[in-house]
Amino acid sequence: MIFEEVLKIQAEAEALLARNEHEIDSRRILELVRDSNFSPYDGEFIALAVRFGPTVLTMDGKMLRAFPQYAMPLSGA
């Protein structure tokens, strides 16, 4: 794949996400990280689920156990 194709794909992806991004309170993410020992990356997904209500589909058993109200096994989807 040439660089120009990569740039085009990136622009298309950004256009699809436009106006569909959400800011999450950094403090809430860090609280989740502190309380669960998850990475900030994982904390962002849970913080989004807590704030907006979607279910996180995951194969991460630790996340499923820590957040059963927000996480669902990917195999059960």
C-alpha atoms as a PDB file:
ATOM      1  CA  MET A   1       0.000   0.000   0.000  1.00  0.00           C
ATOM      2  CA  ILE A   2       1.434   3.350  -0.925  1.00  0.00           C
ATOM      3  CA  PHE A   3       1.482   6.337   1.398  1.00  0.00           C
ATOM      4  CA  GLU A   4      -1.166   8.260  -0.556  1.00  0.00           C
ATOM      5  CA  GLU A   5      -3.605   5.334  -0.195  1.00  0.00           C
ATOM      6  CA  VAL A   6      -2.975   5.252   3.537  1.00  0.00           C
ATOM      7  CA  LEU A   7      -3.699   8.975   3.772  1.00  0.00           C
ATOM      8  CA  LYS A   8      -6.948   8.505   1.827  1.00  0.00           C
ATOM      9  CA  ILE A   9      -8.091   5.671   4.106  1.00  0.00           C
ATOM     10  CA  GLN A  10      -7.226   7.738   7.184  1.00  0.00           C
ATOM     11  CA  ALA A  11      -9.220  10.712   5.848  1.00  0.00           C
ATOM     12  CA  GLU A  12     -12.219   8.440   5.180  1.00  0.00           C
ATOM     13  CA  ALA A  13     -12.035   7.016   8.707  1.00  0.00           C
ATOM     14  CA  GLU A  14     -11.867  10.495  10.216  1.00  0.00           C
ATOM     15  CA  ALA A  15     -14.861  11.595   8.131  1.00  0.00           C
ATOM     16  CA  LEU A  16     -16.889   8.641   9.402  1.00  0.00           C
ATOM     17  CA  LEU A  17     -16.059   9.552  13.003  1.00  0.00           C
ATOM     18  CA  ALA A  18     -16.704  13.282  12.613  1.00  0.00           C
ATOM     19  CA  ARG A  19     -19.218  14.548  15.182  1.00  0.00           C
ATOM     20  CA  ASN A  20     -19.316  11.107  16.825  1.00  0.00           C
ATOM     21  CA  GLU A  21     -16.447  11.539  19.231  1.00  0.00           C
ATOM     22  CA  HIS A  22     -16.968  12.099  22.956  1.00  0.00           C
ATOM     23  CA  GLU A  23     -14.796  13.646  25.615  1.00  0.00           C
ATOM     24  CA  ILE A  24     -14.453  11.577  28.754  1.00  0.00           C
ATOM     25  CA  ASP A  25     -13.448  13.095  32.065  1.00  0.00           C
ATOM     26  CA  SER A  26      -9.792  12.204  32.655  1.00  0.00           C
ATOM     27  CA  ARG A  27     -10.323  12.068  36.405  1.00  0.00           C
ATOM     28  CA  ARG A  28     -12.992   9.369  35.956  1.00  0.00           C
ATOM     29  CA  ILE A  29     -10.662   7.342  33.762  1.00  0.00           C
ATOM     30  CA  LEU A  30      -7.861   7.605  36.306  1.00  0.00           C
ATOM     31  CA  GLU A  31     -10.243   6.609  39.113  1.00  0.00           C
ATOM     32  CA  LEU A  32     -11.199   3.496  37.155  1.00  0.00           C
ATOM     33  CA  VAL A  33      -7.516   2.726  36.555  1.00  0.00           C
ATOM     34  CA  ARG A  34      -6.730   3.212  40.248  1.00  0.00           C
ATOM     35  CA  ASP A  35      -9.678   1.116  41.445  1.00  0.00           C
ATOM     36  CA  SER A  36      -9.370  -1.716  38.941  1.00  0.00           C
ATOM     37  CA  ASN A  37      -5.695  -1.819  37.961  1.00  0.00           C
ATOM     38  CA  PHE A  38      -6.664  -1.528  34.284  1.00  0.00           C
ATOM     39  CA  SER A  39      -4.745   0.475  31.730  1.00  0.00           C
ATOM     40  CA  PRO A  40      -6.001   3.979  30.888  1.00  0.00           C
ATOM     41  CA  TYR A  41      -6.882   2.579  27.457  1.00  0.00           C
ATOM     42  CA  ASP A  42      -9.268   0.045  29.026  1.00  0.00           C
ATOM     43  CA  GLY A  43     -10.488   2.671  31.471  1.00  0.00           C
ATOM     44  CA  GLU A  44     -11.641   4.842  28.581  1.00  0.00           C
ATOM     45  CA  PHE A  45     -13.894   2.089  27.250  1.00  0.00           C
ATOM     46  CA  ILE A  46     -15.477   1.490  30.642  1.00  0.00           C
ATOM     47  CA  ALA A  47     -15.856   5.231  31.279  1.00  0.00           C
ATOM     48  CA  LEU A  48     -17.683   5.545  27.941  1.00  0.00           C
ATOM     49  CA  ALA A  49     -19.959   2.657  28.851  1.00  0.00           C
ATOM     50  CA  VAL A  50     -20.693   4.161  32.269  1.00  0.00           C
ATOM     51  CA  ARG A  51     -21.480   7.570  30.777  1.00  0.00           C
ATOM     52  CA  PHE A  52     -23.400   6.611  27.637  1.00  0.00           C
ATOM     53  CA  GLY A  53     -24.708   3.137  28.405  1.00  0.00           C
ATOM     54  CA  PRO A  54     -23.304   0.921  25.645  1.00  0.00           C
ATOM     55  CA  THR A  55     -21.983  -2.497  26.504  1.00  0.00           C
ATOM     56  CA  VAL A  56     -18.288  -3.190  26.049  1.00  0.00           C
ATOM     57  CA  LEU A  57     -17.788  -6.433  24.124  1.00  0.00           C
ATOM     58  CA  THR A  58     -14.575  -8.081  25.249  1.00  0.00           C
ATOM     59  CA  MET A  59     -12.720 -11.332  25.659  1.00  0.00           C
ATOM     60  CA  ASP A  60     -10.856  -9.890  28.663  1.00  0.00           C
ATOM     61  CA  GLY A  61     -11.936 -12.020  31.620  1.00  0.00           C
ATOM     62  CA  LYS A  62     -10.559  -9.507  34.099  1.00  0.00           C
ATOM     63  CA  MET A  63     -12.706  -6.741  32.611  1.00  0.00           C
ATOM     64  CA  LEU A  64     -15.758  -9.003  32.534  1.00  0.00           C
ATOM     65  CA  ARG A  65     -15.336  -9.803  36.229  1.00  0.00           C
ATOM     66  CA  ALA A  66     -14.586  -6.224  37.277  1.00  0.00           C
ATOM     67  CA  PHE A  67     -17.417  -4.599  35.308  1.00  0.00           C
ATOM     68  CA  PRO A  68     -20.180  -7.162  34.714  1.00  0.00           C
ATOM     69  CA  GLN A  69     -22.785  -4.404  34.390  1.00  0.00           C
ATOM     70  CA  TYR A  70     -20.855  -2.782  31.511  1.00  0.00           C
ATOM     71  CA  ALA A  71     -18.973  -5.651  29.856  1.00  0.00           C
ATOM     72  CA  MET A  72     -20.269  -8.635  27.919  1.00  0.00           C
ATOM     73  CA  PRO A  73     -18.295 -11.579  26.548  1.00  0.00           C
ATOM     74  CA  LEU A  74     -17.571 -11.185  22.858  1.00  0.00           C
ATOM     75  CA  SER A  75     -18.600 -14.809  22.294  1.00  0.00           C
ATOM     76  CA  GLY A  76     -22.075 -14.007  23.662  1.00  0.00           C
ATOM     77  CA  ALA A  77     -22.697 -11.190  21.220  1.00  0.00           C
END
